């Protein structure tokens, strides 16, 4: 598989915007496609700046604005845009603030799913986590999201616990020990 992670860039921004046009959202907790398309239509460079900025706030699914954590955002690419993956962290710590469910989030566009892309993208971002000083990652998925569960387990994820949200939805919390699973690139 010749899948690679690329930093958001102006050369490929039209492909990213085309995915947003279909209703795909890189945020699995709330649909941000409309907001991002508005930025893109105003000035594509402003969308790149928004995706990669390291300061300011972000809006949670609840509508609450919280301080943005440092992050590394990548587009998943197999020769064309396939989705995105991001790493969120607090420098010098493996901990996360309560409003952040996990260190890593990913979303593959519907027409590229079931090809192992999320599994490979997660494998490729683990060395990035290590390079940013992280030793243990937390990843969370809905209990009924079998594909995401398989992605996490395939990358060394160990189930730590099952939690219920305020709405009664079951979430699975996994950990990945970075040093134990980071392998040299293929």
N, C-alpha and C. Protein backbone atom coordinates (compact mmCIF):
# COMPACT_ATOMS: atom_id res chain seq x y z
N UNK A 1 0.85 -1.18 0.00
CA UNK A 1 0.00 0.00 0.00
C UNK A 1 0.90 1.23 0.00
N UNK A 2 0.66 2.14 -0.91
CA UNK A 2 1.45 3.36 -0.95
C UNK A 2 0.63 4.53 -0.40
N UNK A 3 0.37 4.44 0.86
CA UNK A 3 -0.39 5.48 1.55
C UNK A 3 0.60 6.36 2.28
N UNK A 4 0.35 7.65 2.26
CA UNK A 4 1.25 8.55 2.99
C UNK A 4 0.43 9.63 3.68
N UNK A 5 1.03 10.18 4.71
CA UNK A 5 0.44 11.31 5.43
C UNK A 5 1.11 12.57 4.92
N UNK A 6 0.31 13.56 4.52
CA UNK A 6 0.86 14.81 4.04
C UNK A 6 0.27 15.96 4.84
N UNK A 7 1.08 16.96 5.06
CA UNK A 7 0.59 18.15 5.76
C UNK A 7 -0.42 18.87 4.87
N UNK A 8 -1.46 19.46 5.45
CA UNK A 8 -2.39 20.25 4.64
C UNK A 8 -1.63 21.28 3.81
N UNK A 9 -1.99 21.40 2.54
CA UNK A 9 -1.24 22.27 1.65
C UNK A 9 -2.13 22.82 0.55
N UNK A 10 -1.70 23.90 -0.04
CA UNK A 10 -2.49 24.55 -1.09
C UNK A 10 -2.56 23.72 -2.37
N UNK A 11 -1.54 22.92 -2.64
CA UNK A 11 -1.54 22.10 -3.85
C UNK A 11 -2.72 21.11 -3.85
N UNK A 12 -3.05 20.56 -2.67
CA UNK A 12 -4.09 19.54 -2.57
C UNK A 12 -5.40 20.03 -1.95
N UNK A 13 -5.50 21.32 -1.68
CA UNK A 13 -6.66 21.84 -0.97
C UNK A 13 -7.96 21.64 -1.74
N UNK A 14 -7.93 21.68 -3.07
CA UNK A 14 -9.15 21.50 -3.85
C UNK A 14 -9.73 20.10 -3.64
N UNK A 15 -8.88 19.09 -3.50
CA UNK A 15 -9.35 17.72 -3.24
C UNK A 15 -9.99 17.62 -1.86
N UNK A 16 -9.39 18.30 -0.89
CA UNK A 16 -9.96 18.33 0.46
C UNK A 16 -11.34 19.00 0.41
N UNK A 17 -11.42 20.13 -0.27
CA UNK A 17 -12.69 20.85 -0.38
C UNK A 17 -13.73 20.01 -1.11
N UNK A 18 -13.32 19.26 -2.13
CA UNK A 18 -14.26 18.39 -2.85
C UNK A 18 -14.86 17.35 -1.91
N UNK A 19 -14.06 16.82 -1.00
CA UNK A 19 -14.58 15.87 -0.01
C UNK A 19 -15.58 16.56 0.92
N UNK A 20 -15.25 17.78 1.35
CA UNK A 20 -16.18 18.53 2.19
C UNK A 20 -17.50 18.77 1.46
N UNK A 21 -17.42 19.03 0.16
CA UNK A 21 -18.63 19.28 -0.65
C UNK A 21 -19.59 18.10 -0.63
N UNK A 22 -19.07 16.90 -0.44
CA UNK A 22 -19.93 15.70 -0.40
C UNK A 22 -20.63 15.55 0.95
N UNK A 23 -20.25 16.40 1.92
CA UNK A 23 -20.80 16.28 3.27
C UNK A 23 -19.88 15.56 4.23
N UNK A 24 -18.73 15.09 3.74
CA UNK A 24 -17.76 14.46 4.63
C UNK A 24 -17.21 15.51 5.59
N UNK A 25 -16.97 15.12 6.84
CA UNK A 25 -16.40 16.02 7.83
C UNK A 25 -15.20 15.34 8.49
N UNK A 26 -14.08 16.07 8.65
CA UNK A 26 -12.93 15.50 9.34
C UNK A 26 -13.17 15.36 10.84
N UNK A 27 -14.18 16.00 11.35
CA UNK A 27 -14.52 15.94 12.77
C UNK A 27 -15.67 14.96 12.92
N UNK A 28 -15.45 13.90 13.68
CA UNK A 28 -16.48 12.88 13.83
C UNK A 28 -17.48 13.21 14.93
N UNK A 29 -17.25 14.29 15.67
CA UNK A 29 -18.18 14.65 16.74
C UNK A 29 -19.17 15.73 16.31
N UNK A 30 -18.81 16.51 15.28
CA UNK A 30 -19.73 17.51 14.74
C UNK A 30 -19.33 17.80 13.30
N UNK A 31 -20.30 18.15 12.49
CA UNK A 31 -20.06 18.40 11.08
C UNK A 31 -19.47 19.79 10.89
N UNK A 32 -18.21 19.84 10.47
CA UNK A 32 -17.55 21.13 10.24
C UNK A 32 -17.39 21.41 8.74
N UNK A 33 -18.01 20.61 7.90
CA UNK A 33 -17.82 20.78 6.46
C UNK A 33 -18.26 22.16 5.97
N UNK A 34 -19.39 22.66 6.45
CA UNK A 34 -19.87 23.98 6.02
C UNK A 34 -18.94 25.10 6.43
N UNK A 35 -18.46 25.06 7.69
CA UNK A 35 -17.53 26.09 8.17
C UNK A 35 -16.25 26.09 7.35
N UNK A 36 -15.73 24.88 7.10
CA UNK A 36 -14.47 24.81 6.37
C UNK A 36 -14.64 25.19 4.91
N UNK A 37 -15.77 24.84 4.31
CA UNK A 37 -16.02 25.26 2.92
C UNK A 37 -16.12 26.77 2.81
N UNK A 38 -16.73 27.41 3.81
CA UNK A 38 -16.83 28.88 3.79
C UNK A 38 -15.43 29.50 3.82
N UNK A 39 -14.55 28.96 4.67
CA UNK A 39 -13.16 29.46 4.70
C UNK A 39 -12.49 29.24 3.35
N UNK A 40 -12.64 28.05 2.80
CA UNK A 40 -12.03 27.71 1.52
C UNK A 40 -12.49 28.65 0.42
N UNK A 41 -13.79 28.89 0.37
CA UNK A 41 -14.33 29.75 -0.69
C UNK A 41 -13.86 31.20 -0.54
N UNK A 42 -13.65 31.62 0.70
CA UNK A 42 -13.15 32.98 0.93
C UNK A 42 -11.68 33.11 0.57
N UNK A 43 -10.89 32.13 0.98
CA UNK A 43 -9.44 32.13 0.72
C UNK A 43 -8.89 30.78 1.13
N UNK A 44 -8.50 29.93 0.17
CA UNK A 44 -8.00 28.61 0.51
C UNK A 44 -6.87 28.62 1.54
N UNK A 45 -6.02 29.64 1.49
CA UNK A 45 -4.91 29.71 2.45
C UNK A 45 -5.43 29.88 3.88
N UNK A 46 -6.59 30.53 4.04
CA UNK A 46 -7.13 30.70 5.38
C UNK A 46 -7.61 29.36 5.95
N UNK A 47 -8.08 28.47 5.10
CA UNK A 47 -8.45 27.14 5.57
C UNK A 47 -7.22 26.37 6.02
N UNK A 48 -6.15 26.43 5.25
CA UNK A 48 -4.90 25.77 5.65
C UNK A 48 -4.43 26.34 6.99
N UNK A 49 -4.48 27.64 7.13
CA UNK A 49 -4.06 28.27 8.39
C UNK A 49 -4.91 27.80 9.55
N UNK A 50 -6.21 27.68 9.34
CA UNK A 50 -7.12 27.21 10.41
C UNK A 50 -6.83 25.76 10.78
N UNK A 51 -6.59 24.92 9.78
CA UNK A 51 -6.33 23.51 10.05
C UNK A 51 -5.02 23.28 10.81
N UNK A 52 -4.06 24.15 10.60
CA UNK A 52 -2.72 23.91 11.15
C UNK A 52 -2.35 24.84 12.31
N UNK A 53 -3.20 25.79 12.65
CA UNK A 53 -2.81 26.74 13.70
C UNK A 53 -2.69 26.03 15.05
N UNK A 54 -1.89 26.60 15.90
CA UNK A 54 -1.59 26.00 17.19
C UNK A 54 -2.09 26.83 18.36
N UNK A 55 -2.88 27.86 18.08
CA UNK A 55 -3.35 28.73 19.16
C UNK A 55 -4.86 28.94 19.04
N UNK A 56 -5.40 29.71 19.93
CA UNK A 56 -6.81 30.05 19.86
C UNK A 56 -7.70 29.01 20.49
N UNK A 57 -8.94 28.93 20.00
CA UNK A 57 -9.92 28.01 20.57
C UNK A 57 -10.50 27.13 19.48
N UNK A 58 -11.16 26.07 19.92
CA UNK A 58 -11.94 25.22 19.03
C UNK A 58 -13.34 25.09 19.64
N UNK A 59 -14.30 24.76 18.83
CA UNK A 59 -15.67 24.59 19.31
C UNK A 59 -15.98 23.11 19.43
N UNK A 60 -16.40 22.71 20.62
CA UNK A 60 -16.77 21.32 20.87
C UNK A 60 -18.15 21.03 20.31
N UNK A 61 -18.52 19.76 20.27
CA UNK A 61 -19.85 19.35 19.80
C UNK A 61 -20.95 20.00 20.64
N UNK A 62 -20.63 20.32 21.89
CA UNK A 62 -21.61 20.97 22.78
C UNK A 62 -21.79 22.44 22.46
N UNK A 63 -20.91 22.99 21.61
CA UNK A 63 -20.94 24.41 21.30
C UNK A 63 -19.99 25.22 22.16
N UNK A 64 -19.42 24.60 23.17
CA UNK A 64 -18.48 25.28 24.06
C UNK A 64 -17.14 25.51 23.35
N UNK A 65 -16.59 26.71 23.51
CA UNK A 65 -15.26 27.03 22.96
C UNK A 65 -14.22 26.75 24.03
N UNK A 66 -13.19 26.00 23.65
CA UNK A 66 -12.10 25.65 24.58
C UNK A 66 -10.77 25.93 23.91
N UNK A 67 -9.74 26.07 24.74
CA UNK A 67 -8.39 26.31 24.24
C UNK A 67 -7.94 25.17 23.34
N UNK A 68 -7.39 25.51 22.22
CA UNK A 68 -6.87 24.52 21.27
C UNK A 68 -5.57 23.93 21.83
N UNK A 69 -5.44 22.63 21.75
CA UNK A 69 -4.20 21.97 22.14
C UNK A 69 -3.23 21.98 20.97
N UNK A 70 -1.95 21.87 21.25
CA UNK A 70 -1.01 21.66 20.15
C UNK A 70 -1.44 20.40 19.38
N UNK A 71 -1.22 20.41 18.09
CA UNK A 71 -1.65 19.28 17.28
C UNK A 71 -0.78 19.12 16.05
N UNK A 72 -0.90 17.97 15.45
CA UNK A 72 -0.28 17.69 14.16
C UNK A 72 -1.41 17.13 13.29
N UNK A 73 -1.69 17.78 12.19
CA UNK A 73 -2.77 17.39 11.29
C UNK A 73 -2.17 16.91 9.98
N UNK A 74 -2.70 15.80 9.50
CA UNK A 74 -2.23 15.25 8.22
C UNK A 74 -3.42 14.83 7.38
N UNK A 75 -3.23 14.92 6.07
CA UNK A 75 -4.18 14.36 5.14
C UNK A 75 -3.68 12.98 4.75
N UNK A 76 -4.60 12.05 4.62
CA UNK A 76 -4.27 10.70 4.19
C UNK A 76 -4.35 10.70 2.66
N UNK A 77 -3.30 10.20 2.02
CA UNK A 77 -3.18 10.33 0.57
C UNK A 77 -2.70 9.01 -0.04
N UNK A 78 -3.40 8.55 -1.06
CA UNK A 78 -2.96 7.37 -1.82
C UNK A 78 -2.72 7.75 -3.28
N UNK A 79 -2.44 9.01 -3.50
CA UNK A 79 -2.37 9.58 -4.84
C UNK A 79 -3.51 10.56 -5.03
N UNK A 80 -4.51 10.45 -4.15
CA UNK A 80 -5.60 11.41 -4.07
C UNK A 80 -6.03 11.49 -2.61
N UNK A 81 -6.84 12.48 -2.30
CA UNK A 81 -7.26 12.70 -0.92
C UNK A 81 -8.13 11.55 -0.43
N UNK A 82 -7.80 11.03 0.77
CA UNK A 82 -8.53 9.89 1.34
C UNK A 82 -9.17 10.19 2.70
N UNK A 83 -8.71 11.24 3.38
CA UNK A 83 -9.23 11.54 4.71
C UNK A 83 -8.20 12.33 5.50
N UNK A 84 -8.40 12.36 6.82
CA UNK A 84 -7.45 13.11 7.66
C UNK A 84 -7.25 12.37 8.97
N UNK A 85 -6.12 12.67 9.59
CA UNK A 85 -5.79 12.13 10.90
C UNK A 85 -5.07 13.24 11.66
N UNK A 86 -5.34 13.33 12.95
CA UNK A 86 -4.68 14.37 13.73
C UNK A 86 -4.29 13.83 15.09
N UNK A 87 -3.25 14.43 15.62
CA UNK A 87 -2.71 14.11 16.93
C UNK A 87 -2.83 15.35 17.79
N UNK A 88 -3.47 15.21 18.96
CA UNK A 88 -3.62 16.31 19.92
C UNK A 88 -2.85 15.93 21.18
N UNK A 89 -2.19 16.91 21.80
CA UNK A 89 -1.41 16.57 22.99
C UNK A 89 -1.12 17.80 23.83
N UNK A 90 -0.73 17.54 25.06
CA UNK A 90 -0.24 18.58 25.96
C UNK A 90 1.25 18.35 26.10
N UNK A 91 2.08 19.32 25.70
CA UNK A 91 3.53 19.13 25.76
C UNK A 91 4.00 18.69 27.14
N UNK A 92 4.87 17.67 27.15
CA UNK A 92 5.45 17.20 28.39
C UNK A 92 4.56 16.27 29.20
N UNK A 93 3.43 15.84 28.62
CA UNK A 93 2.51 15.00 29.39
C UNK A 93 1.75 14.05 28.45
N UNK A 94 1.43 12.88 28.96
CA UNK A 94 0.56 11.96 28.24
C UNK A 94 -0.91 12.20 28.58
N UNK A 95 -1.16 13.09 29.51
CA UNK A 95 -2.53 13.38 29.95
C UNK A 95 -3.21 14.32 28.96
N UNK A 96 -4.53 14.35 29.02
CA UNK A 96 -5.34 15.24 28.20
C UNK A 96 -6.36 15.94 29.10
N UNK A 97 -6.76 17.16 28.74
CA UNK A 97 -7.81 17.82 29.52
C UNK A 97 -9.14 17.07 29.35
N UNK A 98 -10.06 17.25 30.27
CA UNK A 98 -11.32 16.48 30.25
C UNK A 98 -12.14 16.61 28.96
N UNK A 99 -12.04 17.75 28.28
CA UNK A 99 -12.86 17.94 27.08
C UNK A 99 -12.29 17.22 25.85
N UNK A 100 -11.10 16.64 25.97
CA UNK A 100 -10.47 15.94 24.85
C UNK A 100 -10.55 14.44 25.12
N UNK A 101 -11.29 13.73 24.30
CA UNK A 101 -11.50 12.30 24.56
C UNK A 101 -10.28 11.45 24.26
N UNK A 102 -9.50 11.84 23.25
CA UNK A 102 -8.34 11.02 22.89
C UNK A 102 -7.28 11.83 22.18
N UNK A 103 -6.11 11.23 22.08
CA UNK A 103 -4.98 11.89 21.43
C UNK A 103 -5.12 11.95 19.90
N UNK A 104 -5.80 10.97 19.34
CA UNK A 104 -5.83 10.85 17.88
C UNK A 104 -7.27 10.76 17.39
N UNK A 105 -7.54 11.47 16.31
CA UNK A 105 -8.82 11.39 15.63
C UNK A 105 -8.57 11.17 14.15
N UNK A 106 -9.40 10.40 13.51
CA UNK A 106 -9.23 10.16 12.08
C UNK A 106 -10.59 10.00 11.42
N UNK A 107 -10.63 10.32 10.15
CA UNK A 107 -11.85 10.18 9.36
C UNK A 107 -11.45 9.92 7.91
N UNK A 108 -11.91 8.81 7.37
CA UNK A 108 -11.64 8.45 5.99
C UNK A 108 -12.90 8.75 5.18
N UNK A 109 -12.73 9.28 3.98
CA UNK A 109 -13.89 9.58 3.14
C UNK A 109 -14.61 8.26 2.80
N UNK A 110 -15.93 8.30 2.67
CA UNK A 110 -16.70 7.05 2.48
C UNK A 110 -16.23 6.19 1.30
N UNK A 111 -15.82 6.79 0.21
CA UNK A 111 -15.45 6.02 -0.98
C UNK A 111 -14.05 5.40 -0.89
N UNK A 112 -13.35 5.62 0.24
CA UNK A 112 -12.03 5.02 0.44
C UNK A 112 -12.01 4.10 1.66
N UNK A 113 -13.16 3.87 2.26
CA UNK A 113 -13.21 3.03 3.46
C UNK A 113 -13.07 1.55 3.09
N UNK A 114 -12.76 0.75 4.11
CA UNK A 114 -12.62 -0.70 4.00
C UNK A 114 -11.43 -1.10 3.15
N UNK A 115 -10.39 -0.26 3.14
CA UNK A 115 -9.16 -0.56 2.41
C UNK A 115 -7.95 -0.62 3.35
N UNK A 116 -8.19 -0.43 4.65
CA UNK A 116 -7.08 -0.45 5.60
C UNK A 116 -6.40 0.90 5.76
N UNK A 117 -6.99 1.96 5.19
CA UNK A 117 -6.34 3.27 5.22
C UNK A 117 -6.26 3.85 6.63
N UNK A 118 -7.31 3.72 7.41
CA UNK A 118 -7.26 4.25 8.77
C UNK A 118 -6.21 3.50 9.59
N UNK A 119 -6.14 2.18 9.42
CA UNK A 119 -5.14 1.38 10.15
C UNK A 119 -3.73 1.83 9.79
N UNK A 120 -3.48 2.01 8.51
CA UNK A 120 -2.14 2.44 8.08
C UNK A 120 -1.85 3.87 8.51
N UNK A 121 -2.83 4.75 8.43
CA UNK A 121 -2.61 6.14 8.85
C UNK A 121 -2.29 6.20 10.35
N UNK A 122 -2.99 5.42 11.15
CA UNK A 122 -2.69 5.39 12.58
C UNK A 122 -1.29 4.84 12.80
N UNK A 123 -0.91 3.79 12.07
CA UNK A 123 0.45 3.25 12.20
C UNK A 123 1.49 4.33 11.89
N UNK A 124 1.22 5.13 10.85
CA UNK A 124 2.19 6.14 10.44
C UNK A 124 2.25 7.34 11.39
N UNK A 125 1.19 7.62 12.12
CA UNK A 125 1.22 8.78 13.01
C UNK A 125 1.85 8.44 14.37
N UNK A 126 1.97 7.17 14.70
CA UNK A 126 2.55 6.80 15.99
C UNK A 126 3.99 7.31 16.17
N UNK A 127 4.86 7.26 15.16
CA UNK A 127 6.18 7.86 15.33
C UNK A 127 6.13 9.38 15.55
N UNK A 128 5.13 10.03 14.98
CA UNK A 128 4.96 11.47 15.20
C UNK A 128 4.65 11.71 16.68
N UNK A 129 3.80 10.85 17.24
CA UNK A 129 3.47 10.96 18.67
C UNK A 129 4.74 10.78 19.50
N UNK A 130 5.54 9.78 19.17
CA UNK A 130 6.79 9.56 19.89
C UNK A 130 7.74 10.73 19.77
N UNK A 131 7.82 11.31 18.57
CA UNK A 131 8.71 12.46 18.35
C UNK A 131 8.25 13.68 19.13
N UNK A 132 6.97 13.71 19.51
CA UNK A 132 6.45 14.82 20.31
C UNK A 132 6.44 14.49 21.80
N UNK A 133 7.18 13.44 22.17
CA UNK A 133 7.38 13.11 23.57
C UNK A 133 6.30 12.26 24.21
N UNK A 134 5.35 11.79 23.42
CA UNK A 134 4.27 10.99 24.00
C UNK A 134 4.70 9.53 24.12
N UNK A 135 4.38 8.93 25.26
CA UNK A 135 4.71 7.53 25.49
C UNK A 135 3.47 6.65 25.48
N UNK A 136 2.36 7.19 25.95
CA UNK A 136 1.11 6.43 26.02
C UNK A 136 -0.01 7.30 25.47
N UNK A 137 -0.72 6.75 24.50
CA UNK A 137 -1.82 7.47 23.87
C UNK A 137 -3.15 6.91 24.33
N UNK A 138 -4.14 7.78 24.37
CA UNK A 138 -5.51 7.38 24.65
C UNK A 138 -6.31 7.57 23.35
N UNK A 139 -7.04 6.53 22.97
CA UNK A 139 -7.92 6.59 21.81
C UNK A 139 -9.29 6.12 22.26
N UNK A 140 -10.32 6.78 21.77
CA UNK A 140 -11.69 6.47 22.18
C UNK A 140 -12.54 6.29 20.94
N UNK A 141 -13.42 5.29 20.99
CA UNK A 141 -14.38 5.12 19.89
C UNK A 141 -15.71 4.67 20.48
N UNK A 142 -16.76 4.86 19.71
CA UNK A 142 -18.07 4.36 20.13
C UNK A 142 -18.02 2.84 20.19
N UNK A 143 -18.70 2.29 21.15
CA UNK A 143 -18.70 0.83 21.31
C UNK A 143 -19.21 0.13 20.06
N UNK A 144 -20.16 0.74 19.36
CA UNK A 144 -20.71 0.10 18.17
C UNK A 144 -19.93 0.41 16.89
N UNK A 145 -18.77 1.08 17.01
CA UNK A 145 -17.95 1.39 15.85
C UNK A 145 -16.88 0.30 15.68
N UNK A 146 -17.31 -0.83 15.18
CA UNK A 146 -16.42 -1.98 15.01
C UNK A 146 -15.21 -1.67 14.12
N UNK A 147 -15.38 -0.95 12.99
CA UNK A 147 -14.20 -0.64 12.17
C UNK A 147 -13.14 0.15 12.95
N UNK A 148 -13.54 1.15 13.71
CA UNK A 148 -12.57 1.93 14.46
C UNK A 148 -11.90 1.08 15.55
N UNK A 149 -12.68 0.24 16.17
CA UNK A 149 -12.11 -0.66 17.18
C UNK A 149 -11.02 -1.54 16.56
N UNK A 150 -11.28 -2.09 15.37
CA UNK A 150 -10.28 -2.93 14.69
C UNK A 150 -9.03 -2.14 14.34
N UNK A 151 -9.20 -0.88 13.90
CA UNK A 151 -8.06 -0.03 13.57
C UNK A 151 -7.16 0.15 14.80
N UNK A 152 -7.77 0.45 15.92
CA UNK A 152 -7.01 0.70 17.15
C UNK A 152 -6.31 -0.57 17.62
N UNK A 153 -7.01 -1.68 17.64
CA UNK A 153 -6.42 -2.94 18.10
C UNK A 153 -5.29 -3.38 17.18
N UNK A 154 -5.45 -3.18 15.86
CA UNK A 154 -4.40 -3.55 14.91
C UNK A 154 -3.11 -2.77 15.14
N UNK A 155 -3.21 -1.64 15.81
CA UNK A 155 -2.04 -0.80 16.10
C UNK A 155 -1.60 -0.91 17.55
N UNK A 156 -1.94 -2.00 18.20
CA UNK A 156 -1.49 -2.23 19.57
C UNK A 156 -2.40 -1.69 20.64
N UNK A 157 -3.58 -1.26 20.28
CA UNK A 157 -4.51 -0.73 21.26
C UNK A 157 -4.98 -1.78 22.25
N UNK A 158 -4.99 -1.41 23.51
CA UNK A 158 -5.44 -2.28 24.59
C UNK A 158 -6.64 -1.61 25.24
N UNK A 159 -7.75 -2.35 25.32
CA UNK A 159 -8.96 -1.81 25.93
C UNK A 159 -8.72 -1.59 27.42
N UNK A 160 -8.95 -0.36 27.86
CA UNK A 160 -8.81 -0.03 29.28
C UNK A 160 -10.14 -0.06 30.00
N UNK A 161 -11.17 0.50 29.35
CA UNK A 161 -12.47 0.51 30.01
C UNK A 161 -13.57 0.93 29.04
N UNK A 162 -14.79 0.70 29.51
CA UNK A 162 -16.00 1.10 28.79
C UNK A 162 -16.68 2.16 29.64
N UNK A 163 -16.99 3.29 29.02
CA UNK A 163 -17.65 4.39 29.73
C UNK A 163 -19.00 4.67 29.08
N UNK A 164 -19.91 5.21 29.87
CA UNK A 164 -21.18 5.68 29.33
C UNK A 164 -21.16 7.19 29.33
N UNK A 165 -21.59 7.80 28.23
CA UNK A 165 -21.68 9.25 28.16
C UNK A 165 -22.94 9.70 28.88
N UNK A 166 -23.08 11.01 29.04
CA UNK A 166 -24.29 11.56 29.67
C UNK A 166 -25.55 11.13 28.92
N UNK A 167 -25.41 10.95 27.61
CA UNK A 167 -26.55 10.52 26.80
C UNK A 167 -26.77 9.02 26.81
N UNK A 168 -25.94 8.28 27.56
CA UNK A 168 -26.09 6.84 27.67
C UNK A 168 -25.39 6.04 26.58
N UNK A 169 -24.62 6.71 25.73
CA UNK A 169 -23.90 6.02 24.66
C UNK A 169 -22.62 5.41 25.22
N UNK A 170 -22.31 4.19 24.85
CA UNK A 170 -21.11 3.51 25.35
C UNK A 170 -19.90 3.88 24.51
N UNK A 171 -18.83 4.25 25.19
CA UNK A 171 -17.55 4.58 24.57
C UNK A 171 -16.50 3.60 25.08
N UNK A 172 -15.60 3.19 24.21
CA UNK A 172 -14.50 2.33 24.59
C UNK A 172 -13.23 3.15 24.64
N UNK A 173 -12.49 3.00 25.71
CA UNK A 173 -11.25 3.75 25.90
C UNK A 173 -10.08 2.78 25.79
N UNK A 174 -9.20 3.04 24.84
CA UNK A 174 -8.02 2.22 24.58
C UNK A 174 -6.75 3.01 24.91
N UNK A 175 -5.67 2.28 25.14
CA UNK A 175 -4.35 2.91 25.25
C UNK A 175 -3.43 2.24 24.24
N UNK A 176 -2.51 3.02 23.75
CA UNK A 176 -1.44 2.49 22.91
C UNK A 176 -0.14 2.96 23.53
N UNK A 177 0.72 2.01 23.88
CA UNK A 177 2.05 2.34 24.38
C UNK A 177 2.93 2.54 23.15
N UNK A 178 3.31 3.78 22.90
CA UNK A 178 3.97 4.16 21.65
C UNK A 178 5.26 3.37 21.41
N UNK A 179 6.12 3.28 22.39
CA UNK A 179 7.40 2.59 22.21
C UNK A 179 7.20 1.13 21.85
N UNK A 180 6.12 0.54 22.32
CA UNK A 180 5.88 -0.87 22.07
C UNK A 180 5.38 -1.18 20.67
N UNK A 181 4.91 -0.18 19.95
CA UNK A 181 4.34 -0.45 18.63
C UNK A 181 4.99 0.34 17.49
N UNK A 182 5.82 1.32 17.79
CA UNK A 182 6.44 2.09 16.72
C UNK A 182 7.48 1.22 16.04
N UNK A 183 7.27 1.05 14.73
CA UNK A 183 8.17 0.24 13.93
C UNK A 183 8.78 1.13 12.85
N UNK A 184 9.85 0.66 12.29
CA UNK A 184 10.48 1.44 11.23
C UNK A 184 9.55 1.46 10.01
N UNK A 185 9.63 2.53 9.21
CA UNK A 185 8.75 2.64 8.05
C UNK A 185 8.96 1.48 7.08
N UNK A 186 7.89 1.13 6.39
CA UNK A 186 7.95 0.02 5.42
C UNK A 186 8.70 0.46 4.19
